[in-house]
Amino acid sequence: MSQLMMTILNWFAEMGYMGILLGLMVEILPSELVLGYGGYLVGLGKMNFWGAVLAGVAGGTMAQLFLYWAGYYGGRPFLLKYGKYILIKQNHIVNAEEWFQRYGVGVIFTARFIPVVRHAISIPAGIARMSVWKFIFYTVAAVIPWTILFLTLGRILGENWQQIREITEPYLIPAAGFSFILIMLYILWKKKSTPPIVTVKKMGRFPDK
C-alpha cells in the first residue's frame, strides 16, 4: 500500500466512526481497505465492533445513494461526461447498465460483490427511476454483510489486514452468483405463492321482480 493511502486511512482513523462513514461515503479508497483497517482498529480496542458496523452501513449506503441521485437527476449523458471526476468510467456505466437490464433490481444486491460493477450499478437504477425505497432496501441488504465481513476479517488478520483484498477477491464472484440464485428463487416463489388478481366486471342492477 502506498504511503499516501496509509496517510489517508490514518486521517480517517483519527475521526473514529465518522472516519469510517466518510471514508466509505466519498470512496477515495476501496471500501475493503477502509473496513479492513476499521476491523484492525476494533481488534486493538479503539472502536466498538457494532459501532463500526453502523458507521460502515451508513457510509456505504450514502455513497450508493449519491450515485443513484446522479443517475436520477443527471441522466446518462451527464454521467458519461462528468463521471470520470468521481472515478466512474464509461465502461463502468455500460457494464452496469447491461447487468441491470439483464437481471433487474436484484442485481443491486448481487453486484455489491462483483469488482468494477459494484461501484456503478446504482447509476442505471437512478436512470431507470427505480423506487428510492426499494433501492435503499436492496443496497442496505448488501452493505450489511459486506461491512460485517470485512470488519471481521480486518480484526482477525490483525497487522496483516492490508492483505484483505488478495484474500477475499477469489471468493467474491462465486458468492455473488450464489446470492443471485437465492434472489431469483425467492422471486419465483413469491410469484407462485401470490394469488392472481381477479377482475370482476361491473354488472348492472338486477331487474325488479
N, C-alpha and C. Protein backbone atom coordinates (compact mmCIF):
# COMPACT_ATOMS: atom_id res chain seq x y z
N MET A 1 0.84 -1.19 0.00
CA MET A 1 0.00 0.00 0.00
C MET A 1 0.88 1.25 0.00
N SER A 2 0.48 2.25 -0.78
CA SER A 2 1.28 3.47 -0.87
C SER A 2 1.21 4.27 0.43
N GLN A 3 2.22 5.11 0.60
CA GLN A 3 2.27 5.95 1.80
C GLN A 3 1.09 6.92 1.84
N LEU A 4 0.68 7.39 0.64
CA LEU A 4 -0.45 8.33 0.57
C LEU A 4 -1.74 7.67 1.07
N MET A 5 -1.99 6.44 0.62
CA MET A 5 -3.20 5.73 1.05
C MET A 5 -3.18 5.49 2.56
N MET A 6 -2.01 5.15 3.08
CA MET A 6 -1.91 4.91 4.52
C MET A 6 -2.13 6.19 5.30
N THR A 7 -1.65 7.31 4.75
CA THR A 7 -1.85 8.61 5.41
C THR A 7 -3.34 8.96 5.46
N ILE A 8 -4.04 8.70 4.35
CA ILE A 8 -5.48 8.99 4.29
C ILE A 8 -6.23 8.10 5.29
N LEU A 9 -5.86 6.83 5.35
CA LEU A 9 -6.51 5.91 6.30
C LEU A 9 -6.28 6.35 7.74
N ASN A 10 -5.07 6.76 8.05
CA ASN A 10 -4.78 7.23 9.41
C ASN A 10 -5.58 8.49 9.74
N TRP A 11 -5.77 9.33 8.73
CA TRP A 11 -6.55 10.55 8.93
C TRP A 11 -8.00 10.20 9.25
N PHE A 12 -8.55 9.23 8.50
CA PHE A 12 -9.91 8.78 8.78
C PHE A 12 -9.98 8.11 10.15
N ALA A 13 -8.95 7.35 10.49
CA ALA A 13 -8.95 6.63 11.77
C ALA A 13 -9.00 7.59 12.95
N GLU A 14 -8.36 8.73 12.81
CA GLU A 14 -8.37 9.72 13.89
C GLU A 14 -9.78 10.28 14.13
N MET A 15 -10.64 10.16 13.12
CA MET A 15 -12.01 10.66 13.24
C MET A 15 -12.95 9.61 13.82
N GLY A 16 -12.44 8.41 14.07
CA GLY A 16 -13.26 7.36 14.67
C GLY A 16 -14.34 6.85 13.73
N TYR A 17 -15.54 6.68 14.26
CA TYR A 17 -16.64 6.14 13.47
C TYR A 17 -16.98 7.06 12.29
N MET A 18 -16.89 8.36 12.51
CA MET A 18 -17.16 9.30 11.43
C MET A 18 -16.15 9.12 10.29
N GLY A 19 -14.94 8.71 10.63
CA GLY A 19 -13.93 8.47 9.61
C GLY A 19 -14.31 7.30 8.72
N ILE A 20 -14.86 6.23 9.32
CA ILE A 20 -15.33 5.09 8.52
C ILE A 20 -16.46 5.53 7.61
N LEU A 21 -17.41 6.27 8.17
CA LEU A 21 -18.56 6.75 7.39
C LEU A 21 -18.09 7.59 6.20
N LEU A 22 -17.23 8.57 6.47
CA LEU A 22 -16.76 9.45 5.40
C LEU A 22 -15.88 8.70 4.40
N GLY A 23 -15.04 7.79 4.92
CA GLY A 23 -14.16 7.04 4.03
C GLY A 23 -14.93 6.21 3.03
N LEU A 24 -16.06 5.66 3.44
CA LEU A 24 -16.90 4.88 2.54
C LEU A 24 -17.79 5.77 1.68
N MET A 25 -18.20 6.89 2.22
CA MET A 25 -19.12 7.76 1.52
C MET A 25 -18.46 8.44 0.32
N VAL A 26 -17.23 8.91 0.50
CA VAL A 26 -16.56 9.62 -0.59
C VAL A 26 -15.78 8.67 -1.49
N GLU A 27 -15.54 7.44 -1.03
CA GLU A 27 -14.89 6.39 -1.82
C GLU A 27 -13.55 6.84 -2.41
N ILE A 28 -12.75 7.53 -1.62
CA ILE A 28 -11.39 7.85 -2.05
C ILE A 28 -10.56 6.57 -2.11
N LEU A 29 -10.82 5.68 -1.16
CA LEU A 29 -10.11 4.41 -1.07
C LEU A 29 -11.11 3.26 -1.24
N PRO A 30 -10.65 2.08 -1.68
CA PRO A 30 -11.55 0.92 -1.77
C PRO A 30 -12.18 0.62 -0.41
N SER A 31 -13.46 0.26 -0.44
CA SER A 31 -14.17 0.01 0.81
C SER A 31 -13.57 -1.16 1.59
N GLU A 32 -12.98 -2.12 0.87
CA GLU A 32 -12.36 -3.25 1.56
C GLU A 32 -11.25 -2.79 2.50
N LEU A 33 -10.47 -1.81 2.03
CA LEU A 33 -9.36 -1.32 2.84
C LEU A 33 -9.85 -0.49 4.02
N VAL A 34 -10.85 0.35 3.77
CA VAL A 34 -11.40 1.18 4.85
C VAL A 34 -11.97 0.29 5.95
N LEU A 35 -12.75 -0.71 5.55
CA LEU A 35 -13.37 -1.60 6.53
C LEU A 35 -12.34 -2.54 7.17
N GLY A 36 -11.39 -2.99 6.36
CA GLY A 36 -10.34 -3.85 6.91
C GLY A 36 -9.52 -3.15 7.97
N TYR A 37 -9.19 -1.89 7.70
CA TYR A 37 -8.45 -1.10 8.68
C TYR A 37 -9.31 -0.83 9.91
N GLY A 38 -10.60 -0.59 9.66
CA GLY A 38 -11.53 -0.40 10.77
C GLY A 38 -11.59 -1.63 11.65
N GLY A 39 -11.61 -2.82 11.03
CA GLY A 39 -11.60 -4.07 11.79
C GLY A 39 -10.33 -4.24 12.60
N TYR A 40 -9.22 -3.83 12.01
CA TYR A 40 -7.93 -3.87 12.73
C TYR A 40 -7.99 -2.98 13.97
N LEU A 41 -8.58 -1.79 13.83
CA LEU A 41 -8.71 -0.88 14.97
C LEU A 41 -9.66 -1.44 16.02
N VAL A 42 -10.69 -2.15 15.56
CA VAL A 42 -11.60 -2.82 16.51
C VAL A 42 -10.81 -3.85 17.33
N GLY A 43 -9.95 -4.60 16.64
CA GLY A 43 -9.13 -5.59 17.32
C GLY A 43 -8.19 -4.98 18.35
N LEU A 44 -7.77 -3.74 18.10
CA LEU A 44 -6.90 -3.04 19.04
C LEU A 44 -7.67 -2.43 20.20
N GLY A 45 -9.00 -2.51 20.12
CA GLY A 45 -9.83 -1.94 21.18
C GLY A 45 -10.09 -0.46 21.03
N LYS A 46 -9.80 0.10 19.85
CA LYS A 46 -10.00 1.53 19.63
C LYS A 46 -11.41 1.86 19.14
N MET A 47 -12.15 0.83 18.74
CA MET A 47 -13.52 1.01 18.28
C MET A 47 -14.38 -0.15 18.76
N ASN A 48 -15.67 0.10 18.87
CA ASN A 48 -16.64 -0.95 19.15
C ASN A 48 -17.06 -1.57 17.82
N PHE A 49 -17.15 -2.90 17.78
CA PHE A 49 -17.45 -3.58 16.52
C PHE A 49 -18.77 -3.12 15.92
N TRP A 50 -19.84 -3.10 16.74
CA TRP A 50 -21.16 -2.77 16.19
C TRP A 50 -21.27 -1.28 15.87
N GLY A 51 -20.52 -0.46 16.56
CA GLY A 51 -20.46 0.95 16.18
C GLY A 51 -19.82 1.12 14.82
N ALA A 52 -18.77 0.33 14.56
CA ALA A 52 -18.11 0.36 13.26
C ALA A 52 -19.03 -0.18 12.17
N VAL A 53 -19.81 -1.22 12.50
CA VAL A 53 -20.78 -1.76 11.53
C VAL A 53 -21.80 -0.69 11.15
N LEU A 54 -22.34 0.00 12.14
CA LEU A 54 -23.33 1.04 11.89
C LEU A 54 -22.75 2.15 11.01
N ALA A 55 -21.53 2.58 11.32
CA ALA A 55 -20.89 3.63 10.52
C ALA A 55 -20.62 3.14 9.10
N GLY A 56 -20.21 1.87 8.97
CA GLY A 56 -19.93 1.31 7.66
C GLY A 56 -21.18 1.19 6.79
N VAL A 57 -22.27 0.73 7.39
CA VAL A 57 -23.53 0.59 6.64
C VAL A 57 -24.04 1.96 6.21
N ALA A 58 -23.98 2.94 7.11
CA ALA A 58 -24.43 4.29 6.77
C ALA A 58 -23.59 4.89 5.65
N GLY A 59 -22.28 4.78 5.76
CA GLY A 59 -21.40 5.35 4.74
C GLY A 59 -21.54 4.66 3.40
N GLY A 60 -21.60 3.32 3.41
CA GLY A 60 -21.74 2.58 2.17
C GLY A 60 -23.05 2.85 1.46
N THR A 61 -24.13 2.98 2.23
CA THR A 61 -25.44 3.27 1.65
C THR A 61 -25.50 4.68 1.08
N MET A 62 -24.96 5.64 1.80
CA MET A 62 -24.97 7.02 1.32
C MET A 62 -24.14 7.18 0.05
N ALA A 63 -23.03 6.46 -0.04
CA ALA A 63 -22.21 6.52 -1.26
C ALA A 63 -23.01 6.07 -2.47
N GLN A 64 -23.78 4.98 -2.31
CA GLN A 64 -24.58 4.48 -3.42
C GLN A 64 -25.77 5.39 -3.72
N LEU A 65 -26.30 6.03 -2.68
CA LEU A 65 -27.40 6.98 -2.90
C LEU A 65 -26.96 8.17 -3.74
N PHE A 66 -25.73 8.65 -3.53
CA PHE A 66 -25.22 9.75 -4.33
C PHE A 66 -25.18 9.37 -5.81
N LEU A 67 -24.73 8.15 -6.10
CA LEU A 67 -24.67 7.69 -7.49
C LEU A 67 -26.08 7.49 -8.05
N TYR A 68 -26.98 7.00 -7.22
CA TYR A 68 -28.38 6.83 -7.64
C TYR A 68 -28.98 8.18 -8.03
N TRP A 69 -28.77 9.20 -7.18
CA TRP A 69 -29.31 10.52 -7.48
C TRP A 69 -28.64 11.14 -8.70
N ALA A 70 -27.35 10.84 -8.89
CA ALA A 70 -26.66 11.34 -10.09
C ALA A 70 -27.30 10.78 -11.34
N GLY A 71 -27.66 9.48 -11.30
CA GLY A 71 -28.35 8.88 -12.43
C GLY A 71 -29.77 9.38 -12.58
N TYR A 72 -30.44 9.59 -11.45
CA TYR A 72 -31.85 10.02 -11.46
C TYR A 72 -31.99 11.44 -12.02
N TYR A 73 -31.16 12.35 -11.52
CA TYR A 73 -31.30 13.76 -11.90
C TYR A 73 -30.38 14.17 -13.06
N GLY A 74 -29.23 13.53 -13.17
CA GLY A 74 -28.29 13.91 -14.22
C GLY A 74 -28.49 13.16 -15.52
N GLY A 75 -28.87 11.89 -15.41
CA GLY A 75 -29.07 11.08 -16.60
C GLY A 75 -27.76 10.56 -17.17
N ARG A 76 -27.89 9.74 -18.19
CA ARG A 76 -26.73 9.08 -18.79
C ARG A 76 -25.74 10.06 -19.42
N PRO A 77 -26.18 11.04 -20.23
CA PRO A 77 -25.22 11.96 -20.85
C PRO A 77 -24.37 12.71 -19.83
N PHE A 78 -24.99 13.13 -18.74
CA PHE A 78 -24.26 13.87 -17.70
C PHE A 78 -23.16 13.00 -17.10
N LEU A 79 -23.49 11.73 -16.82
CA LEU A 79 -22.52 10.84 -16.18
C LEU A 79 -21.42 10.41 -17.14
N LEU A 80 -21.76 10.24 -18.40
CA LEU A 80 -20.73 9.91 -19.38
C LEU A 80 -19.72 11.05 -19.53
N LYS A 81 -20.21 12.27 -19.34
CA LYS A 81 -19.34 13.44 -19.49
C LYS A 81 -18.54 13.73 -18.22
N TYR A 82 -19.20 13.63 -17.07
CA TYR A 82 -18.55 14.06 -15.82
C TYR A 82 -18.23 12.92 -14.85
N GLY A 83 -18.61 11.69 -15.21
CA GLY A 83 -18.38 10.57 -14.30
C GLY A 83 -16.91 10.35 -13.96
N LYS A 84 -16.03 10.70 -14.90
CA LYS A 84 -14.59 10.50 -14.66
C LYS A 84 -14.09 11.27 -13.44
N TYR A 85 -14.79 12.34 -13.09
CA TYR A 85 -14.36 13.15 -11.95
C TYR A 85 -14.69 12.49 -10.61
N ILE A 86 -15.56 11.49 -10.65
CA ILE A 86 -15.85 10.72 -9.43
C ILE A 86 -15.41 9.26 -9.63
N LEU A 87 -14.43 9.08 -10.51
CA LEU A 87 -13.80 7.78 -10.76
C LEU A 87 -14.75 6.76 -11.37
N ILE A 88 -15.78 7.22 -12.10
CA ILE A 88 -16.69 6.34 -12.81
C ILE A 88 -16.42 6.48 -14.30
N LYS A 89 -15.85 5.44 -14.90
CA LYS A 89 -15.51 5.48 -16.32
C LYS A 89 -16.69 5.03 -17.17
N GLN A 90 -16.59 5.31 -18.48
CA GLN A 90 -17.69 4.97 -19.39
C GLN A 90 -17.96 3.47 -19.40
N ASN A 91 -16.90 2.66 -19.40
CA ASN A 91 -17.11 1.20 -19.42
C ASN A 91 -17.77 0.71 -18.13
N HIS A 92 -17.55 1.42 -17.02
CA HIS A 92 -18.23 1.06 -15.77
C HIS A 92 -19.74 1.23 -15.93
N ILE A 93 -20.13 2.37 -16.53
CA ILE A 93 -21.55 2.66 -16.72
C ILE A 93 -22.19 1.66 -17.68
N VAL A 94 -21.49 1.36 -18.78
CA VAL A 94 -22.01 0.43 -19.78
C VAL A 94 -22.20 -0.96 -19.17
N ASN A 95 -21.19 -1.43 -18.45
CA ASN A 95 -21.29 -2.75 -17.81
C ASN A 95 -22.43 -2.80 -16.79
N ALA A 96 -22.56 -1.74 -16.02
CA ALA A 96 -23.62 -1.70 -15.01
C ALA A 96 -25.00 -1.69 -15.66
N GLU A 97 -25.14 -0.94 -16.76
CA GLU A 97 -26.43 -0.90 -17.47
C GLU A 97 -26.79 -2.28 -18.01
N GLU A 98 -25.81 -2.98 -18.56
CA GLU A 98 -26.06 -4.31 -19.11
C GLU A 98 -26.52 -5.27 -18.01
N TRP A 99 -25.86 -5.20 -16.87
CA TRP A 99 -26.25 -6.05 -15.74
C TRP A 99 -27.65 -5.70 -15.26
N PHE A 100 -27.95 -4.43 -15.15
CA PHE A 100 -29.26 -4.00 -14.64
C PHE A 100 -30.37 -4.42 -15.59
N GLN A 101 -30.15 -4.26 -16.91
CA GLN A 101 -31.17 -4.62 -17.89
C GLN A 101 -31.36 -6.13 -17.97
N ARG A 102 -30.29 -6.87 -17.75
CA ARG A 102 -30.36 -8.32 -17.88
C ARG A 102 -30.98 -8.98 -16.64
N TYR A 103 -30.63 -8.48 -15.46
CA TYR A 103 -31.02 -9.18 -14.23
C TYR A 103 -32.03 -8.43 -13.36
N GLY A 104 -32.32 -7.17 -13.69
CA GLY A 104 -33.33 -6.44 -12.94
C GLY A 104 -32.84 -5.92 -11.61
N VAL A 105 -33.79 -5.55 -10.74
CA VAL A 105 -33.45 -4.86 -9.50
C VAL A 105 -32.63 -5.71 -8.53
N GLY A 106 -32.74 -7.04 -8.64
CA GLY A 106 -31.99 -7.91 -7.74
C GLY A 106 -30.49 -7.73 -7.86
N VAL A 107 -30.04 -7.21 -9.01
CA VAL A 107 -28.61 -7.02 -9.22
C VAL A 107 -28.05 -5.93 -8.32
N ILE A 108 -28.91 -5.05 -7.78
CA ILE A 108 -28.45 -4.04 -6.82
C ILE A 108 -27.80 -4.73 -5.63
N PHE A 109 -28.33 -5.88 -5.26
CA PHE A 109 -27.75 -6.65 -4.15
C PHE A 109 -26.51 -7.41 -4.59
N THR A 110 -26.63 -8.23 -5.64
CA THR A 110 -25.53 -9.12 -6.01
C THR A 110 -24.32 -8.37 -6.55
N ALA A 111 -24.52 -7.25 -7.23
CA ALA A 111 -23.40 -6.52 -7.83
C ALA A 111 -22.45 -5.97 -6.78
N ARG A 112 -22.90 -5.86 -5.56
CA ARG A 112 -22.03 -5.34 -4.49
C ARG A 112 -20.81 -6.22 -4.30
N PHE A 113 -20.89 -7.48 -4.73
CA PHE A 113 -19.79 -8.42 -4.52
C PHE A 113 -18.94 -8.61 -5.78
N ILE A 114 -19.22 -7.85 -6.83
CA ILE A 114 -18.52 -8.03 -8.11
C ILE A 114 -17.66 -6.82 -8.41
N PRO A 115 -16.35 -7.01 -8.63
CA PRO A 115 -15.46 -5.88 -8.93
C PRO A 115 -15.94 -5.08 -10.13
N VAL A 116 -15.64 -3.80 -10.16
CA VAL A 116 -15.98 -2.84 -11.22
C VAL A 116 -17.47 -2.51 -11.22
N VAL A 117 -18.33 -3.54 -11.38
CA VAL A 117 -19.77 -3.30 -11.49
C VAL A 117 -20.33 -2.70 -10.21
N ARG A 118 -19.82 -3.12 -9.05
CA ARG A 118 -20.41 -2.70 -7.78
C ARG A 118 -20.36 -1.19 -7.55
N HIS A 119 -19.40 -0.51 -8.16
CA HIS A 119 -19.27 0.93 -7.94
C HIS A 119 -20.21 1.74 -8.84
N ALA A 120 -20.74 1.11 -9.88
CA ALA A 120 -21.55 1.87 -10.84
C ALA A 120 -22.98 1.38 -10.96
N ILE A 121 -23.34 0.27 -10.31
CA ILE A 121 -24.66 -0.32 -10.51
C ILE A 121 -25.79 0.60 -10.06
N SER A 122 -25.50 1.51 -9.15
CA SER A 122 -26.54 2.42 -8.67
C SER A 122 -26.95 3.44 -9.73
N ILE A 123 -26.08 3.69 -10.69
CA ILE A 123 -26.36 4.70 -11.72
C ILE A 123 -27.53 4.29 -12.61
N PRO A 124 -27.53 3.08 -13.23
CA PRO A 124 -28.69 2.71 -14.05
C PRO A 124 -29.98 2.59 -13.25
N ALA A 125 -29.86 2.29 -11.95
CA ALA A 125 -31.06 2.26 -11.10
C ALA A 125 -31.68 3.64 -11.03
N GLY A 126 -30.85 4.66 -10.91
CA GLY A 126 -31.34 6.04 -10.89
C GLY A 126 -31.89 6.46 -12.23
N ILE A 127 -31.17 6.11 -13.31
CA ILE A 127 -31.62 6.47 -14.66
C ILE A 127 -32.98 5.84 -14.96
N ALA A 128 -33.18 4.59 -14.49
CA ALA A 128 -34.44 3.88 -14.71
C ALA A 128 -35.55 4.35 -13.77
N ARG A 129 -35.24 5.31 -12.89
CA ARG A 129 -36.20 5.84 -11.92
C ARG A 129 -36.77 4.75 -11.00
N MET A 130 -35.89 3.84 -10.61
CA MET A 130 -36.27 2.81 -9.65
C MET A 130 -36.71 3.47 -8.35
N SER A 131 -37.70 2.91 -7.68
CA SER A 131 -38.16 3.46 -6.41
C SER A 131 -36.99 3.61 -5.45
N VAL A 132 -36.84 4.79 -4.87
CA VAL A 132 -35.71 5.04 -3.98
C VAL A 132 -35.75 4.15 -2.74
N TRP A 133 -36.95 3.83 -2.26
CA TRP A 133 -37.05 2.98 -1.07
C TRP A 133 -36.68 1.54 -1.39
N LYS A 134 -37.07 1.08 -2.57
CA LYS A 134 -36.66 -0.26 -2.99
C LYS A 134 -35.15 -0.30 -3.19
N PHE A 135 -34.61 0.77 -3.76
CA PHE A 135 -33.16 0.85 -3.96
C PHE A 135 -32.43 0.80 -2.61
N ILE A 136 -32.91 1.58 -1.65
CA ILE A 136 -32.28 1.59 -0.33
C ILE A 136 -32.36 0.21 0.32
N PHE A 137 -33.50 -0.46 0.17
CA PHE A 137 -33.67 -1.79 0.76
C PHE A 137 -32.62 -2.76 0.23
N TYR A 138 -32.48 -2.85 -1.10
CA TYR A 138 -31.51 -3.77 -1.69
C TYR A 138 -30.08 -3.37 -1.35
N THR A 139 -29.83 -2.07 -1.32
CA THR A 139 -28.48 -1.59 -1.02
C THR A 139 -28.08 -1.93 0.41
N VAL A 140 -28.95 -1.62 1.36
CA VAL A 140 -28.66 -1.92 2.77
C VAL A 140 -28.51 -3.43 2.97
N ALA A 141 -29.36 -4.23 2.29
CA ALA A 141 -29.27 -5.68 2.41
C ALA A 141 -27.92 -6.20 1.95
N ALA A 142 -27.30 -5.52 0.98
CA ALA A 142 -25.97 -5.93 0.50
C ALA A 142 -24.85 -5.34 1.34
N VAL A 143 -25.03 -4.10 1.78
CA VAL A 143 -23.96 -3.42 2.52
C VAL A 143 -23.75 -4.04 3.91
N ILE A 144 -24.80 -4.53 4.54
CA ILE A 144 -24.66 -5.10 5.89
C ILE A 144 -23.69 -6.29 5.91
N PRO A 145 -23.91 -7.34 5.09
CA PRO A 145 -22.96 -8.46 5.13
C PRO A 145 -21.57 -8.07 4.65
N TRP A 146 -21.51 -7.15 3.67
CA TRP A 146 -20.22 -6.67 3.16
C TRP A 146 -19.42 -6.00 4.29
N THR A 147 -20.09 -5.15 5.04
CA THR A 147 -19.44 -4.42 6.14
C THR A 147 -18.99 -5.37 7.24
N ILE A 148 -19.88 -6.26 7.65
CA ILE A 148 -19.55 -7.21 8.72
C ILE A 148 -18.39 -8.11 8.30
N LEU A 149 -18.42 -8.57 7.04
CA LEU A 149 -17.37 -9.46 6.54
C LEU A 149 -15.98 -8.83 6.65
N PHE A 150 -15.84 -7.61 6.12
CA PHE A 150 -14.51 -7.00 6.06
C PHE A 150 -14.05 -6.45 7.41
N LEU A 151 -14.97 -6.03 8.24
CA LEU A 151 -14.59 -5.65 9.60
C LEU A 151 -14.09 -6.87 10.38
N THR A 152 -14.79 -7.98 10.21
CA THR A 152 -14.39 -9.21 10.90
C THR A 152 -13.04 -9.71 10.41
N LEU A 153 -12.85 -9.69 9.09
CA LEU A 153 -11.57 -10.14 8.53
C LEU A 153 -10.43 -9.23 8.98
N GLY A 154 -10.68 -7.92 9.00
CA GLY A 154 -9.66 -6.99 9.45
C GLY A 154 -9.26 -7.25 10.89
N ARG A 155 -10.25 -7.58 11.72
CA ARG A 155 -9.96 -7.88 13.12
C ARG A 155 -9.18 -9.18 13.26
N ILE A 156 -9.53 -10.18 12.44
CA ILE A 156 -8.85 -11.48 12.51
C ILE A 156 -7.42 -11.38 11.98
N LEU A 157 -7.26 -10.68 10.86
CA LEU A 157 -5.94 -10.58 10.24
C LEU A 157 -4.96 -9.75 11.05
N GLY A 158 -5.48 -8.83 11.85
CA GLY A 158 -4.61 -8.00 12.68
C GLY A 158 -3.66 -7.15 11.85
N GLU A 159 -2.38 -7.25 12.12
CA GLU A 159 -1.40 -6.43 11.41
C GLU A 159 -1.27 -6.79 9.94
N ASN A 160 -1.83 -7.92 9.53
CA ASN A 160 -1.82 -8.33 8.12
C ASN A 160 -3.08 -7.90 7.38
N TRP A 161 -3.82 -6.94 7.93
CA TRP A 161 -5.10 -6.52 7.35
C TRP A 161 -4.95 -6.00 5.92
N GLN A 162 -3.76 -5.52 5.55
CA GLN A 162 -3.56 -4.98 4.20
C GLN A 162 -3.69 -6.05 3.12
N GLN A 163 -3.63 -7.32 3.50
CA GLN A 163 -3.75 -8.41 2.53
C GLN A 163 -5.21 -8.79 2.27
N ILE A 164 -6.12 -8.03 2.81
CA ILE A 164 -7.54 -8.41 2.79
C ILE A 164 -8.12 -8.54 1.38
N ARG A 165 -7.70 -7.69 0.46
CA ARG A 165 -8.23 -7.76 -0.91
C ARG A 165 -7.75 -9.03 -1.61
N GLU A 166 -6.47 -9.35 -1.46
CA GLU A 166 -5.92 -10.54 -2.10
C GLU A 166 -6.58 -11.81 -1.57
N ILE A 167 -6.93 -11.81 -0.29
CA ILE A 167 -7.52 -12.99 0.33
C ILE A 167 -8.97 -13.20 -0.13
N THR A 168 -9.73 -12.13 -0.23
CA THR A 168 -11.18 -12.25 -0.48
C THR A 168 -11.57 -12.24 -1.95
N GLU A 169 -10.77 -11.64 -2.82
CA GLU A 169 -11.18 -11.43 -4.21
C GLU A 169 -11.60 -12.71 -4.93
N PRO A 170 -10.88 -13.85 -4.77
CA PRO A 170 -11.28 -15.06 -5.49
C PRO A 170 -12.66 -15.59 -5.10
N TYR A 171 -13.16 -15.18 -3.94
CA TYR A 171 -14.42 -15.74 -3.43
C TYR A 171 -15.63 -14.83 -3.68
N LEU A 172 -15.38 -13.59 -4.11
CA LEU A 172 -16.48 -12.63 -4.21
C LEU A 172 -17.46 -12.96 -5.33
N ILE A 173 -16.95 -13.29 -6.52
CA ILE A 173 -17.85 -13.58 -7.64
C ILE A 173 -18.68 -14.84 -7.38
N PRO A 174 -18.08 -15.96 -6.90
CA PRO A 174 -18.93 -17.11 -6.54
C PRO A 174 -19.99 -16.76 -5.50
N ALA A 175 -19.62 -15.94 -4.53
CA ALA A 175 -20.59 -15.52 -3.50
C ALA A 175 -21.72 -14.72 -4.12
N ALA A 176 -21.38 -13.85 -5.08
CA ALA A 176 -22.40 -13.05 -5.76
C ALA A 176 -23.33 -13.95 -6.57
N GLY A 177 -22.76 -14.95 -7.25
CA GLY A 177 -23.57 -15.88 -8.03
C GLY A 177 -24.54 -16.66 -7.16
N PHE A 178 -24.06 -17.11 -6.02
CA PHE A 178 -24.92 -17.84 -5.07
C PHE A 178 -26.04 -16.94 -4.56
N SER A 179 -25.70 -15.69 -4.24
CA SER A 179 -26.70 -14.74 -3.74
C SER A 179 -27.75 -14.45 -4.81
N PHE A 180 -27.29 -14.33 -6.06
CA PHE A 180 -28.22 -14.05 -7.16
C PHE A 180 -29.20 -15.20 -7.34
N ILE A 181 -28.71 -16.43 -7.26
CA ILE A 181 -29.58 -17.60 -7.39
C ILE A 181 -30.64 -17.60 -6.29
N LEU A 182 -30.23 -17.27 -5.07
CA LEU A 182 -31.19 -17.21 -3.96
C LEU A 182 -32.27 -16.17 -4.21
N ILE A 183 -31.86 -15.00 -4.73
CA ILE A 183 -32.82 -13.94 -5.00
C ILE A 183 -33.80 -14.37 -6.09
N MET A 184 -33.30 -15.00 -7.16
CA MET A 184 -34.17 -15.45 -8.24
C MET A 184 -35.16 -16.51 -7.74
N LEU A 185 -34.69 -17.42 -6.89
CA LEU A 185 -35.58 -18.43 -6.33
C LEU A 185 -36.66 -17.79 -5.46
N TYR A 186 -36.28 -16.77 -4.70
CA TYR A 186 -37.25 -16.07 -3.86
C TYR A 186 -38.30 -15.36 -4.73
N ILE A 187 -37.86 -14.71 -5.80
CA ILE A 187 -38.79 -14.00 -6.69
C ILE A 187 -39.76 -14.99 -7.33
N LEU A 188 -39.24 -16.15 -7.79
CA LEU A 188 -40.10 -17.16 -8.41
C LEU A 188 -41.10 -17.71 -7.39
N TRP A 189 -40.62 -17.96 -6.16
CA TRP A 189 -41.52 -18.46 -5.11
C TRP A 189 -42.60 -17.45 -4.80
N LYS A 190 -42.22 -16.17 -4.75
CA LYS A 190 -43.18 -15.12 -4.42
C LYS A 190 -44.25 -15.01 -5.51
N LYS A 191 -43.82 -15.13 -6.78
CA LYS A 191 -44.77 -15.04 -7.89
C LYS A 191 -45.76 -16.21 -7.85
N LYS A 192 -45.26 -17.40 -7.53
CA LYS A 192 -46.13 -18.57 -7.50
C LYS A 192 -47.07 -18.57 -6.30
N SER A 193 -46.60 -18.01 -5.18
CA SER A 193 -47.41 -18.02 -3.96
C SER A 193 -48.41 -16.88 -3.90
N THR A 194 -48.26 -15.88 -4.79
CA THR A 194 -49.19 -14.75 -4.81
C THR A 194 -50.39 -15.10 -5.67
N PRO A 195 -51.60 -15.11 -5.11
CA PRO A 195 -52.78 -15.47 -5.90
C PRO A 195 -53.04 -14.43 -6.98
N PRO A 196 -53.50 -14.88 -8.15
CA PRO A 196 -53.79 -13.92 -9.23
C PRO A 196 -54.92 -12.98 -8.86
N ILE A 197 -54.83 -11.77 -9.36
CA ILE A 197 -55.87 -10.78 -9.11
C ILE A 197 -57.01 -11.00 -10.10
N VAL A 198 -58.19 -11.24 -9.57
CA VAL A 198 -59.36 -11.49 -10.40
C VAL A 198 -60.14 -10.20 -10.58
N THR A 199 -60.33 -9.82 -11.82
CA THR A 199 -61.09 -8.61 -12.12
C THR A 199 -62.55 -8.97 -12.31
N VAL A 200 -63.40 -8.36 -11.53
CA VAL A 200 -64.84 -8.63 -11.61
C VAL A 200 -65.49 -7.53 -12.43
N LYS A 201 -66.16 -7.95 -13.48
CA LYS A 201 -66.83 -6.99 -14.35
C LYS A 201 -68.05 -6.43 -13.65
N LYS A 202 -68.16 -5.11 -13.68
CA LYS A 202 -69.29 -4.45 -13.02
C LYS A 202 -70.57 -4.75 -13.78
N MET A 203 -71.56 -5.24 -13.05
CA MET A 203 -72.83 -5.62 -13.66
C MET A 203 -73.88 -4.56 -13.37
N GLY A 204 -74.89 -4.56 -14.17
CA GLY A 204 -76.00 -3.65 -13.94
C GLY A 204 -76.89 -4.15 -12.82
N ARG A 205 -77.92 -3.43 -12.48
CA ARG A 205 -78.83 -3.83 -11.41
C ARG A 205 -79.68 -5.00 -11.86
N PHE A 206 -80.00 -5.87 -10.89
CA PHE A 206 -80.91 -6.95 -11.22
C PHE A 206 -82.30 -6.37 -11.48
N PRO A 207 -83.01 -6.95 -12.40
CA PRO A 207 -84.36 -6.44 -12.66
C PRO A 207 -85.27 -6.70 -11.47
N ASP A 208 -86.15 -5.79 -11.23
CA ASP A 208 -87.11 -5.97 -10.14
C ASP A 208 -88.07 -7.10 -10.48
N LYS A 209 -88.41 -7.88 -9.41
CA LYS A 209 -89.38 -8.95 -9.61
C LYS A 209 -90.78 -8.40 -9.52
